[in-house]
Amino acid sequence: MGGNRDQRKFHLTNLSNLSRPKSLGGWGILGLNLFCIALLCKSLWKAIFGNNIWRKVIEAKYLDNKDIIVWFRQGSFDPPHGSAIWRSFHKIELFFLKNLAWNFQSGKKILIGLDPLAGDVTDLPISQQLLHYLQHIGIFYWDQVIDKWLGSIPTWKTDEMMGLYGDLSSQWDKVIMYMKSRGIFISSEEDHLIWNGSKGWSSVYVKDIYSMLQMEKPTPHENIFPIVFWKSNCHTKIILFAWLVFNNKNLTWDNLQKRNWCGPTICPIFILNEESNYHIFLVYPHAMKIWKSLANHFGLNRISFPSIKDAFQWWSEMRTEWRLIPLISIWAIWKWRNRALFQDRKESYTLVLDSILSHHPIRSPPHSHFNLKKHVGSSMDLSILPRAYFDGATMNGICACGVLIIPCEYQHIQISWNGGKGSNNKVEAIALVGLLSFSDFLNIQGLHIFGDSMVIIDHVKSVHIIQNINISGWLDRIASIWNSRKDFTIQHIERTFKADALSKEGVSSPNEIWKVSITVGDIQRNIQDFRLPGT
């Protein structure tokens, strides 16, 4: 998946698995082979049963002017050669003929026991013995066994009228009971062939043919990915990744070994175990802590499962909003694993837990009392997310810093700390260093930064370089992080609102100790005496 002409990537699963309906464990992707057959069936239907010039051409050229009914009962096209289109029709003739059936109207054209009936009349209980006897006494069509009509409802001939005795009599009684139970109605219209299973009596739909072709494919016997997850209000890429995990198709080291790849084979986070989906997502100690915290948060009574599939099956029976939990959790844990493996970043499981509770793919976030306009001003474009604000204040020669980070519309992070002694430019630089460091620590992508210090912002944008030896160290730290995060932007605004208030709160904080408050929806967590490494 994701390969191109210059770089080949793994085929994670067969297209035949993906083209299954979601109810049968696939992705519901259109299978081109089956779709081509469905289109051919639709074309053949129009050519044979359409009231157009092509029907006359086919009857004259290939059917020797025989009636369509004769060809239908013959069971194959004759001759097998002809134009390219006709040869294509030959490839699907068995499937096409098998799904044609008679729409019962008057019964004058339908042979008893030989011609298939449409609708519910598909498993007619008529034996060969009874069929041979009816043919022997000259009864071939359904209208010959109708005695009279009560309106449009037929009254069938009894066994005595037809001279049936013994087993044949009881068999005929079963046939009559069967026809009565199916509610057969007689009309003045002629019997006609239809596509059995189509939603319309007079036309054939490609979608219905394609569905019938899919149902003929063997159904997987193993557990299938619960279809309720496809209906979850979650990003499609996360649902697709959950499908890969459920079917053990994602590239863990045990799966890479099956493809003859050589690697460490051990988990990059917890190096004492071999890496597998079951280990990463269910039995890894920190993963267990995450599941336990989620269970406590949502009031669940189960956190351990014997397998990945059992876990998904259990979650699929939960409330609709809770079905997002396993999808987002395995996504967050997998990203955590990738950062440890490819970026050598050893992060605490609490950060993963916070990202699960506030992950942006949830399109219907929990109700929040957090008023963005109150914090950032009513004139700002609130569609710009994620965003952050920084500000600095000096009181009696003491620097105080304030930062407000808004990763998504229902989460915000407030930080205030004491920056020691210094000038206005120094405190603004320290505040920006703290913002960049914390955002990089949380791995926030595409952050839009706002501040009211034109001097610091112009320096970051290289519009006007500051020549101040007292803050050169802080400016170097800003440049180091800024150059590594090309996805960040910075913009000047007149007032930073909440960040300004936070900076004043930092005056009372111990030197270089951060006060962090993380709010997700209506839940707030306060982290006191926090010290970020490297700041």
Protein backbone atom coordinates (compact mmCIF):
# COMPACT_ATOMS: atom_id res chain seq x y z
CA MET A 1 0.00 0.00 0.00
CA GLY A 2 1.33 3.44 -0.91
CA GLY A 3 4.00 2.21 -3.33
CA ASN A 4 4.92 3.75 -6.65
CA ARG A 5 7.13 3.07 -9.66
CA ASP A 6 10.33 3.91 -7.78
CA GLN A 7 9.49 2.41 -4.40
CA ARG A 8 7.68 -0.84 -3.81
CA LYS A 9 5.85 -1.33 -0.55
CA PHE A 10 4.19 -4.29 1.09
CA HIS A 11 0.92 -5.75 -0.07
CA LEU A 12 -0.76 -6.01 3.31
CA THR A 13 -3.69 -8.14 2.13
CA ASN A 14 -5.35 -9.53 -0.99
CA LEU A 15 -7.71 -7.42 -3.06
CA SER A 16 -10.26 -10.24 -2.81
CA ASN A 17 -10.39 -9.65 0.96
CA LEU A 18 -10.85 -5.91 0.56
CA SER A 19 -13.57 -6.26 -2.08
CA ARG A 20 -15.81 -8.24 0.25
CA PRO A 21 -18.78 -6.34 1.70
CA LYS A 22 -18.15 -4.81 5.09
CA SER A 23 -20.72 -7.20 6.55
CA LEU A 24 -18.47 -10.09 5.44
CA GLY A 25 -15.26 -8.64 6.82
CA GLY A 26 -14.00 -6.61 3.82
CA TRP A 27 -13.66 -2.93 3.03
CA GLY A 28 -16.54 -2.81 0.55
CA ILE A 29 -14.17 -1.84 -2.28
CA LEU A 30 -15.56 -2.49 -5.74
CA GLY A 31 -14.19 -5.73 -7.24
CA LEU A 32 -13.51 -4.96 -10.90
CA ASN A 33 -13.83 -8.58 -12.08
CA LEU A 34 -17.26 -9.00 -10.53
CA PHE A 35 -18.31 -5.53 -11.62
CA CYS A 36 -17.39 -6.35 -15.25
CA ILE A 37 -19.54 -9.51 -15.05
CA ALA A 38 -22.42 -7.46 -13.65
CA LEU A 39 -22.10 -4.95 -16.51
CA LEU A 40 -22.06 -7.80 -19.05
CA CYS A 41 -25.22 -9.26 -17.52
CA LYS A 42 -26.91 -5.87 -17.74
CA SER A 43 -25.83 -5.51 -21.39
CA LEU A 44 -27.07 -9.01 -22.24
CA TRP A 45 -30.39 -8.29 -20.56
CA LYS A 46 -30.88 -5.17 -22.66
CA ALA A 47 -29.81 -7.00 -25.81
CA ILE A 48 -32.12 -10.00 -25.28
CA PHE A 49 -35.17 -8.50 -23.59
CA GLY A 50 -35.04 -4.90 -24.73
CA ASN A 51 -37.53 -3.71 -27.30
CA ASN A 52 -34.90 -2.48 -29.73
CA ILE A 53 -33.13 -3.30 -32.98
CA TRP A 54 -30.36 -5.27 -31.22
CA ARG A 55 -32.84 -7.90 -30.05
CA LYS A 56 -33.95 -8.47 -33.65
CA VAL A 57 -30.33 -8.67 -34.83
CA ILE A 58 -29.42 -11.25 -32.17
CA GLU A 59 -32.53 -13.34 -32.86
CA ALA A 60 -31.79 -13.35 -36.59
CA LYS A 61 -28.01 -13.86 -36.43
CA TYR A 62 -27.49 -16.15 -33.43
CA LEU A 63 -30.85 -17.66 -32.42
CA ASP A 64 -32.16 -18.60 -35.89
CA ASN A 65 -35.29 -16.53 -35.21
CA LYS A 66 -36.21 -18.82 -32.31
CA ASP A 67 -38.18 -17.47 -29.40
CA ILE A 68 -36.23 -16.28 -26.40
CA ILE A 69 -38.05 -18.88 -24.26
CA VAL A 70 -36.60 -21.72 -26.37
CA TRP A 71 -33.11 -20.37 -25.88
CA PHE A 72 -33.74 -19.98 -22.14
CA ARG A 73 -34.85 -23.59 -21.73
CA GLN A 74 -32.00 -24.84 -23.89
CA GLY A 75 -29.61 -23.59 -21.20
CA SER A 76 -26.84 -22.15 -23.39
CA PHE A 77 -26.16 -19.81 -26.27
CA ASP A 78 -25.77 -21.28 -29.68
CA PRO A 79 -23.50 -20.80 -31.57
CA PRO A 80 -20.51 -20.16 -29.22
CA HIS A 81 -18.64 -18.14 -31.86
CA GLY A 82 -19.45 -14.71 -33.22
CA SER A 83 -18.51 -11.13 -32.52
CA ALA A 84 -16.33 -10.09 -29.57
CA ILE A 85 -19.41 -8.93 -27.66
CA TRP A 86 -21.23 -12.21 -28.25
CA ARG A 87 -18.18 -14.19 -27.10
CA SER A 88 -18.15 -12.06 -23.95
CA PHE A 89 -21.78 -12.98 -23.37
CA HIS A 90 -20.79 -16.65 -23.60
CA LYS A 91 -18.48 -16.21 -20.60
CA ILE A 92 -21.35 -15.26 -18.31
CA GLU A 93 -24.15 -17.39 -19.80
CA LEU A 94 -24.29 -19.95 -16.96
CA PHE A 95 -24.60 -17.28 -14.28
CA PHE A 96 -27.07 -15.27 -16.37
CA LEU A 97 -29.40 -18.18 -17.16
CA LYS A 98 -29.26 -19.48 -13.60
CA ASN A 99 -30.69 -16.21 -12.28
CA LEU A 100 -33.55 -15.85 -14.77
CA ALA A 101 -37.00 -16.80 -13.47
CA TRP A 102 -40.65 -16.53 -14.47
CA ASN A 103 -42.93 -13.88 -13.08
CA PHE A 104 -46.20 -15.79 -12.58
CA GLN A 105 -49.12 -13.98 -14.24
CA SER A 106 -51.47 -16.28 -16.18
CA GLY A 107 -49.42 -19.48 -16.03
CA LYS A 108 -49.88 -20.19 -19.74
CA LYS A 109 -46.16 -20.14 -20.61
CA ILE A 110 -44.63 -21.68 -17.48
CA LEU A 111 -43.84 -25.37 -17.45
CA ILE A 112 -44.68 -27.13 -14.18
CA GLY A 113 -41.58 -28.28 -12.29
CA LEU A 114 -39.18 -27.22 -15.06
CA ASP A 115 -39.32 -23.44 -15.29
CA PRO A 116 -38.07 -21.58 -12.18
CA LEU A 117 -40.52 -19.19 -10.54
CA ALA A 118 -39.52 -15.78 -9.25
CA GLY A 119 -39.93 -14.41 -5.79
CA ASP A 120 -40.74 -16.73 -2.90
CA VAL A 121 -41.82 -19.57 -5.20
CA THR A 122 -38.34 -21.06 -5.58
CA ASP A 123 -38.35 -24.40 -3.73
CA LEU A 124 -41.46 -26.03 -5.23
CA PRO A 125 -41.98 -29.46 -3.54
CA ILE A 126 -42.76 -31.50 -6.67
CA SER A 127 -41.19 -34.92 -7.21
CA GLN A 128 -40.07 -36.44 -10.49
CA GLN A 129 -42.70 -39.15 -10.08
CA LEU A 130 -45.50 -36.59 -9.88
CA LEU A 131 -44.00 -34.54 -12.71
CA HIS A 132 -43.83 -37.58 -15.02
CA TYR A 133 -47.45 -38.49 -14.26
CA LEU A 134 -48.68 -34.95 -15.05
CA GLN A 135 -46.80 -35.00 -18.35
CA HIS A 136 -48.25 -38.46 -19.09
CA ILE A 137 -51.82 -37.16 -18.78
CA GLY A 138 -50.98 -34.11 -20.90
CA ILE A 139 -50.54 -31.46 -18.19
CA PHE A 140 -47.49 -29.30 -18.88
CA TYR A 141 -48.39 -25.70 -18.00
CA TRP A 142 -49.65 -24.15 -14.78
CA ASP A 143 -52.86 -22.81 -16.30
CA GLN A 144 -53.91 -26.44 -16.94
CA VAL A 145 -54.14 -27.19 -13.19
CA ILE A 146 -56.31 -24.17 -12.40
CA ASP A 147 -60.00 -25.04 -11.95
CA LYS A 148 -61.50 -21.57 -11.70
CA TRP A 149 -60.76 -18.05 -10.37
CA LEU A 150 -62.13 -16.22 -7.39
CA GLY A 151 -61.38 -12.75 -8.61
CA SER A 152 -57.62 -12.88 -9.21
CA ILE A 153 -57.00 -15.81 -6.85
CA PRO A 154 -56.81 -19.25 -8.52
CA THR A 155 -58.68 -22.31 -7.29
CA TRP A 156 -56.47 -25.33 -8.00
CA LYS A 157 -57.75 -28.68 -9.27
CA THR A 158 -58.00 -31.36 -6.63
CA ASP A 159 -56.32 -34.76 -6.78
CA GLU A 160 -59.67 -36.39 -7.64
CA MET A 161 -60.15 -34.09 -10.65
CA MET A 162 -56.73 -35.12 -11.93
CA GLY A 163 -57.03 -38.80 -11.08
CA LEU A 164 -54.27 -38.85 -8.47
CA TYR A 165 -54.22 -41.52 -5.74
CA GLY A 166 -51.92 -42.71 -2.97
CA ASP A 167 -48.55 -40.99 -2.72
CA LEU A 168 -49.26 -38.87 -5.79
CA SER A 169 -52.39 -37.52 -4.12
CA SER A 170 -50.53 -36.45 -0.96
CA GLN A 171 -47.73 -34.95 -3.05
CA TRP A 172 -50.22 -32.90 -5.04
CA ASP A 173 -51.85 -31.66 -1.82
CA LYS A 174 -48.44 -30.39 -0.69
CA VAL A 175 -47.98 -28.56 -4.00
CA ILE A 176 -51.41 -26.90 -3.69
CA MET A 177 -50.75 -25.87 -0.09
CA TYR A 178 -47.40 -24.45 -1.12
CA MET A 179 -48.88 -22.38 -3.97
CA LYS A 180 -51.67 -21.07 -1.72
CA SER A 181 -49.16 -20.06 0.98
CA ARG A 182 -47.19 -18.04 -1.58
CA GLY A 183 -50.23 -15.96 -2.50
CA ILE A 184 -50.17 -16.56 -6.26
CA PHE A 185 -52.38 -14.06 -8.10
CA ILE A 186 -53.58 -14.47 -11.68
CA SER A 187 -53.72 -11.51 -14.07
CA SER A 188 -54.52 -10.96 -17.70
CA GLU A 189 -50.89 -10.14 -18.46
CA GLU A 190 -48.55 -12.63 -20.04
CA ASP A 191 -45.94 -14.51 -18.06
CA HIS A 192 -42.48 -13.02 -18.57
CA LEU A 193 -38.91 -13.65 -17.57
CA ILE A 194 -37.29 -11.43 -14.96
CA TRP A 195 -33.97 -11.30 -13.12
CA ASN A 196 -34.61 -13.21 -9.92
CA GLY A 197 -33.61 -11.16 -6.89
CA SER A 198 -33.79 -7.78 -8.59
CA LYS A 199 -35.67 -5.05 -6.74
CA GLY A 200 -37.58 -4.15 -9.88
CA TRP A 201 -39.81 -6.53 -11.84
CA SER A 202 -39.29 -4.90 -15.22
CA SER A 203 -35.60 -3.99 -15.12
CA VAL A 204 -32.23 -5.25 -13.94
CA TYR A 205 -29.87 -3.21 -11.79
CA VAL A 206 -26.11 -3.63 -11.89
CA LYS A 207 -25.96 -3.19 -8.12
CA ASP A 208 -28.29 -6.17 -7.56
CA ILE A 209 -26.27 -8.37 -9.93
CA TYR A 210 -23.03 -7.37 -8.21
CA SER A 211 -24.51 -8.23 -4.80
CA MET A 212 -25.53 -11.68 -6.05
CA LEU A 213 -22.03 -12.28 -7.40
CA GLN A 214 -20.53 -11.34 -4.04
CA MET A 215 -22.84 -13.71 -2.20
CA GLU A 216 -21.57 -16.57 -4.35
CA LYS A 217 -18.02 -16.04 -3.07
CA PRO A 218 -17.03 -18.25 -0.13
CA THR A 219 -17.78 -16.61 3.20
CA PRO A 220 -14.88 -16.48 5.68
CA HIS A 221 -15.35 -18.89 8.57
CA GLU A 222 -13.22 -16.94 11.03
CA ASN A 223 -14.46 -13.97 13.03
CA ILE A 224 -15.03 -10.91 10.88
CA PHE A 225 -14.35 -7.27 11.74
CA PRO A 226 -17.56 -5.98 13.42
CA ILE A 227 -19.46 -3.79 11.00
CA VAL A 228 -20.48 -1.38 13.78
CA PHE A 229 -16.95 0.06 13.75
CA TRP A 230 -17.38 1.13 10.12
CA LYS A 231 -20.31 3.25 11.28
CA SER A 232 -18.28 4.89 14.05
CA ASN A 233 -17.91 8.65 13.95
CA CYS A 234 -14.15 8.34 13.47
CA HIS A 235 -11.63 9.06 10.72
CA THR A 236 -11.55 6.38 8.04
CA LYS A 237 -7.77 5.90 8.27
CA ILE A 238 -8.11 4.89 11.94
CA ILE A 239 -10.89 2.41 11.14
CA LEU A 240 -8.77 0.92 8.35
CA PHE A 241 -5.81 0.55 10.71
CA ALA A 242 -8.09 -1.15 13.26
CA TRP A 243 -9.13 -3.57 10.50
CA LEU A 244 -5.46 -4.37 9.82
CA VAL A 245 -4.81 -4.99 13.51
CA PHE A 246 -7.94 -7.16 13.81
CA ASN A 247 -6.76 -9.32 10.90
CA ASN A 248 -3.09 -9.21 12.01
CA LYS A 249 -1.98 -7.50 8.79
CA ASN A 250 -0.09 -4.50 10.16
CA LEU A 251 3.70 -4.60 10.08
CA THR A 252 4.77 -5.75 13.52
CA TRP A 253 8.06 -7.61 13.76
CA ASP A 254 6.41 -11.03 13.92
CA ASN A 255 4.60 -10.28 10.65
CA LEU A 256 7.80 -8.93 9.07
CA GLN A 257 9.55 -12.19 9.90
CA LYS A 258 6.90 -14.03 7.90
CA ARG A 259 8.01 -11.90 4.93
CA ASN A 260 11.67 -12.89 5.50
CA TRP A 261 12.66 -9.55 6.98
CA CYS A 262 15.46 -9.55 9.51
CA GLY A 263 15.05 -7.23 12.49
CA PRO A 264 15.29 -7.01 16.26
CA THR A 265 11.99 -8.96 16.67
CA ILE A 266 11.53 -7.37 20.09
CA CYS A 267 9.26 -4.54 21.14
CA PRO A 268 11.08 -1.17 20.89
CA ILE A 269 9.30 0.11 24.01
CA PHE A 270 9.43 -2.92 26.31
CA ILE A 271 12.43 -4.87 25.10
CA LEU A 272 11.87 -8.07 27.09
CA ASN A 273 9.12 -9.41 24.82
CA GLU A 274 8.78 -10.31 21.17
CA GLU A 275 6.65 -7.82 19.30
CA SER A 276 3.16 -8.81 18.19
CA ASN A 277 -0.20 -7.12 18.09
CA TYR A 278 -1.35 -8.97 21.18
CA HIS A 279 1.76 -7.82 23.06
CA ILE A 280 1.69 -4.18 21.91
CA PHE A 281 -1.98 -3.46 22.43
CA LEU A 282 -3.07 -5.78 25.25
CA VAL A 283 -0.33 -7.19 27.50
CA TYR A 284 2.39 -4.52 27.43
CA PRO A 285 2.40 -3.12 31.03
CA HIS A 286 1.98 0.53 30.02
CA ALA A 287 -0.77 -0.45 27.56
CA MET A 288 -2.52 -2.20 30.43
CA LYS A 289 -2.25 1.00 32.45
CA ILE A 290 -3.86 2.91 29.58
CA TRP A 291 -6.75 0.42 29.34
CA LYS A 292 -7.19 0.46 33.12
CA SER A 293 -7.30 4.27 33.18
CA LEU A 294 -9.87 4.27 30.36
CA ALA A 295 -11.94 1.65 32.17
CA ASN A 296 -11.93 3.76 35.33
CA HIS A 297 -12.74 6.91 33.39
CA PHE A 298 -15.74 5.42 31.54
CA GLY A 299 -16.88 3.04 34.30
CA LEU A 300 -16.08 -0.21 32.46
CA ASN A 301 -15.52 -3.51 34.25
CA ARG A 302 -13.20 -5.32 31.84
CA ILE A 303 -9.72 -4.50 30.57
CA SER A 304 -8.10 -7.88 29.72
CA PHE A 305 -8.89 -10.11 26.75
CA PRO A 306 -7.47 -13.41 25.46
CA SER A 307 -7.00 -12.03 21.92
CA ILE A 308 -7.33 -8.94 19.75
CA LYS A 309 -10.45 -10.29 18.06
CA ASP A 310 -12.15 -10.99 21.39
CA ALA A 311 -11.39 -7.42 22.45
CA PHE A 312 -12.98 -5.96 19.30
CA GLN A 313 -16.01 -8.22 19.61
CA TRP A 314 -16.53 -7.08 23.21
CA TRP A 315 -16.17 -3.39 22.37
CA SER A 316 -18.59 -3.76 19.44
CA GLU A 317 -21.36 -4.57 21.91
CA MET A 318 -20.78 -1.41 23.94
CA ARG A 319 -22.58 1.91 23.66
CA THR A 320 -22.11 3.77 20.39
CA GLU A 321 -19.87 6.51 21.79
CA TRP A 322 -17.66 3.94 23.56
CA ARG A 323 -16.89 2.10 20.33
CA LEU A 324 -14.50 4.92 19.47
CA ILE A 325 -12.29 4.00 22.43
CA PRO A 326 -10.56 0.88 20.99
CA LEU A 327 -10.13 2.51 17.57
CA ILE A 328 -8.44 5.65 18.88
CA SER A 329 -6.51 3.77 21.58
CA ILE A 330 -4.77 1.32 19.26
CA TRP A 331 -4.01 4.20 16.88
CA ALA A 332 -2.42 6.25 19.67
CA ILE A 333 -0.45 3.26 21.02
CA TRP A 334 0.80 2.43 17.52
CA LYS A 335 1.97 6.02 16.94
CA TRP A 336 3.64 5.89 20.36
CA ARG A 337 5.44 2.72 19.32
CA ASN A 338 6.56 4.29 16.02
CA ARG A 339 7.97 7.37 17.76
CA ALA A 340 9.97 5.12 20.05
CA LEU A 341 11.20 2.97 17.15
CA PHE A 342 11.96 5.57 14.46
CA GLN A 343 12.58 8.76 16.46
CA ASP A 344 14.03 7.24 19.66
CA ARG A 345 11.51 9.17 21.75
CA LYS A 346 10.68 7.54 25.08
CA GLU A 347 7.39 9.13 26.15
CA SER A 348 5.26 8.56 29.22
CA TYR A 349 2.06 6.58 28.82
CA THR A 350 0.17 9.49 30.41
CA LEU A 351 0.76 11.56 27.28
CA VAL A 352 -0.69 8.73 25.19
CA LEU A 353 -3.67 8.59 27.52
CA ASP A 354 -4.22 12.33 27.13
CA SER A 355 -4.02 12.06 23.35
CA ILE A 356 -6.63 9.27 23.41
CA LEU A 357 -9.05 11.41 25.41
CA SER A 358 -8.57 14.39 23.11
CA HIS A 359 -7.75 12.86 19.74
CA HIS A 360 -8.88 15.01 16.82
CA PRO A 361 -10.39 12.24 14.62
CA ILE A 362 -13.47 12.18 16.92
CA ARG A 363 -15.83 14.28 14.89
CA SER A 364 -18.38 14.54 17.72
CA PRO A 365 -16.28 15.55 20.74
CA PRO A 366 -17.67 15.49 24.29
CA HIS A 367 -19.59 18.58 25.39
CA SER A 368 -17.21 21.20 26.71
CA HIS A 369 -17.72 24.37 28.70
CA PHE A 370 -14.44 25.74 27.34
CA ASN A 371 -15.26 28.99 25.53
CA LEU A 372 -12.66 29.60 22.82
CA LYS A 373 -13.85 33.14 22.08
CA LYS A 374 -13.45 34.06 25.73
CA HIS A 375 -9.79 32.97 25.65
CA VAL A 376 -8.67 34.14 22.21
CA GLY A 377 -11.07 36.96 21.37
CA SER A 378 -14.24 37.03 19.27
CA SER A 379 -12.48 38.53 16.26
CA MET A 380 -10.17 35.54 15.71
CA ASP A 381 -10.84 32.84 13.14
CA LEU A 382 -11.62 29.82 15.33
CA SER A 383 -11.19 27.39 12.43
CA ILE A 384 -7.39 27.76 12.73
CA LEU A 385 -6.47 24.72 14.83
CA PRO A 386 -4.24 23.70 16.49
CA ARG A 387 -3.21 27.12 17.82
CA ALA A 388 -1.16 28.52 20.70
CA TYR A 389 -0.49 31.87 22.41
CA PHE A 390 2.50 33.08 24.40
CA ASP A 391 3.09 36.17 26.49
CA GLY A 392 5.54 37.48 29.07
CA ALA A 393 5.27 39.96 31.93
CA THR A 394 7.75 41.61 34.28
CA MET A 395 6.81 42.67 37.79
CA ASN A 396 9.44 44.16 40.11
CA GLY A 397 12.16 42.81 37.85
CA ILE A 398 10.75 39.23 37.90
CA CYS A 399 9.95 37.53 34.59
CA ALA A 400 6.71 35.55 34.36
CA CYS A 401 5.62 33.50 31.35
CA GLY A 402 2.22 32.32 30.18
CA VAL A 403 1.30 29.89 27.39
CA LEU A 404 -2.10 28.70 26.13
CA ILE A 405 -2.08 25.74 23.70
CA ILE A 406 -5.30 24.64 21.97
CA PRO A 407 -4.66 21.35 20.09
CA CYS A 408 -8.36 20.97 19.20
CA GLU A 409 -11.66 22.67 19.91
CA TYR A 410 -12.42 20.75 23.10
CA GLN A 411 -8.94 20.63 24.68
CA HIS A 412 -6.71 23.38 26.02
CA ILE A 413 -3.44 23.44 27.97
CA GLN A 414 -2.59 26.36 30.27
CA ILE A 415 1.01 26.83 31.45
CA SER A 416 2.49 29.50 33.71
CA TRP A 417 5.94 29.69 35.28
CA ASN A 418 8.51 31.99 36.82
CA GLY A 419 11.38 32.81 34.47
CA GLY A 420 13.66 34.61 36.93
CA LYS A 421 14.99 38.13 36.47
CA GLY A 422 15.15 39.83 33.07
CA SER A 423 13.76 42.29 30.55
CA ASN A 424 10.61 42.30 28.45
CA ASN A 425 12.33 40.81 25.39
CA LYS A 426 13.89 38.09 27.54
CA VAL A 427 10.59 37.05 29.10
CA GLU A 428 8.87 36.94 25.68
CA ALA A 429 11.71 34.77 24.34
CA ILE A 430 11.49 32.44 27.36
CA ALA A 431 7.73 32.14 26.89
CA LEU A 432 8.19 31.21 23.22
CA VAL A 433 10.88 28.67 24.14
CA GLY A 434 8.47 27.08 26.63
CA LEU A 435 5.66 26.98 24.08
CA LEU A 436 7.84 25.40 21.38
CA SER A 437 9.41 22.91 23.79
CA PHE A 438 6.08 21.75 25.23
CA SER A 439 4.45 21.52 21.78
CA ASP A 440 7.40 19.53 20.46
CA PHE A 441 7.26 17.33 23.57
CA LEU A 442 3.57 16.55 22.82
CA ASN A 443 4.36 16.17 19.08
CA ILE A 444 1.63 18.63 18.05
CA GLN A 445 1.55 18.96 14.26
CA GLY A 446 0.82 22.10 12.21
CA LEU A 447 0.72 24.49 15.16
CA HIS A 448 -0.27 28.15 14.54
CA ILE A 449 1.43 30.43 17.10
CA PHE A 450 0.26 33.93 18.07
CA GLY A 451 2.02 36.54 20.24
CA ASP A 452 2.03 40.28 20.91
CA SER A 453 5.84 40.74 20.86
CA MET A 454 6.64 42.17 17.42
CA VAL A 455 10.40 42.12 18.19
CA ILE A 456 10.57 38.37 18.94
CA ILE A 457 8.23 37.42 16.07
CA ASP A 458 10.20 39.50 13.53
CA HIS A 459 13.39 37.78 14.76
CA VAL A 460 11.83 34.33 14.26
CA LYS A 461 10.70 35.31 10.75
CA SER A 462 14.18 36.77 10.04
CA VAL A 463 12.62 40.16 9.32
CA HIS A 464 14.75 41.91 11.94
CA ILE A 465 17.51 40.04 13.80
CA ILE A 466 17.97 40.87 17.50
CA GLN A 467 21.55 41.63 18.56
CA ASN A 468 21.33 41.17 22.32
CA ILE A 469 23.94 39.06 24.10
CA ASN A 470 21.75 38.77 27.22
CA ILE A 471 19.09 36.71 25.43
CA SER A 472 21.18 35.13 22.67
CA GLY A 473 21.01 31.73 24.40
CA TRP A 474 17.21 31.80 24.41
CA LEU A 475 17.13 32.93 20.78
CA ASP A 476 19.40 30.03 19.82
CA ARG A 477 16.99 27.59 21.50
CA ILE A 478 14.08 29.12 19.60
CA ALA A 479 15.98 28.74 16.32
CA SER A 480 16.91 25.13 17.11
CA ILE A 481 13.29 24.04 17.63
CA TRP A 482 11.82 26.32 14.95
CA ASN A 483 14.14 25.03 12.21
CA SER A 484 13.20 21.43 13.03
CA ARG A 485 9.45 22.12 12.89
CA LYS A 486 8.71 23.42 9.40
CA ASP A 487 4.98 22.86 10.00
CA PHE A 488 4.77 25.66 12.63
CA THR A 489 3.65 29.20 11.77
CA ILE A 490 3.84 32.39 13.83
CA GLN A 491 1.80 35.60 13.62
CA HIS A 492 1.60 38.90 15.52
CA ILE A 493 -1.63 39.96 17.25
CA GLU A 494 -2.46 42.96 19.44
CA ARG A 495 -3.38 41.03 22.57
CA THR A 496 -2.96 37.44 23.72
CA PHE A 497 -5.88 37.49 26.19
CA LYS A 498 -5.62 34.36 28.40
CA ALA A 499 -1.85 33.99 27.84
CA ASP A 500 -1.43 37.50 29.26
CA ALA A 501 -3.32 36.53 32.44
CA LEU A 502 -1.32 33.29 32.74
CA SER A 503 1.96 35.19 32.53
CA LYS A 504 0.96 37.29 35.53
CA GLU A 505 0.08 34.13 37.47
CA GLY A 506 3.62 32.89 36.92
CA VAL A 507 5.09 35.54 39.20
CA SER A 508 4.00 33.56 42.28
CA SER A 509 5.46 30.28 40.96
CA PRO A 510 8.82 28.90 42.15
CA ASN A 511 11.69 29.67 39.81
CA GLU A 512 11.63 27.56 36.60
CA ILE A 513 8.80 25.33 37.86
CA TRP A 514 5.79 25.07 35.55
CA LYS A 515 2.15 24.95 36.59
CA VAL A 516 0.32 22.97 33.91
CA SER A 517 -3.45 22.55 33.59
CA ILE A 518 -4.77 20.22 30.88
CA THR A 519 -8.50 20.31 30.18
CA VAL A 520 -10.28 17.79 27.93
CA GLY A 521 -13.98 18.53 27.58
CA ASP A 522 -15.23 18.96 31.14
CA ILE A 523 -12.31 17.09 32.73
CA GLN A 524 -9.37 19.05 34.09
CA ARG A 525 -6.02 17.71 35.26
CA ASN A 526 -3.57 19.92 37.16
CA ILE A 527 0.14 19.07 37.09
CA GLN A 528 2.00 20.95 39.78
CA ASP A 529 5.78 21.43 39.99
CA PHE A 530 6.33 20.11 36.47
CA ARG A 531 9.80 20.52 35.00
CA LEU A 532 10.21 19.90 31.24
CA PRO A 533 13.64 18.44 30.39
CA GLY A 534 15.88 20.77 28.39
CA THR A 535 14.10 24.06 29.19
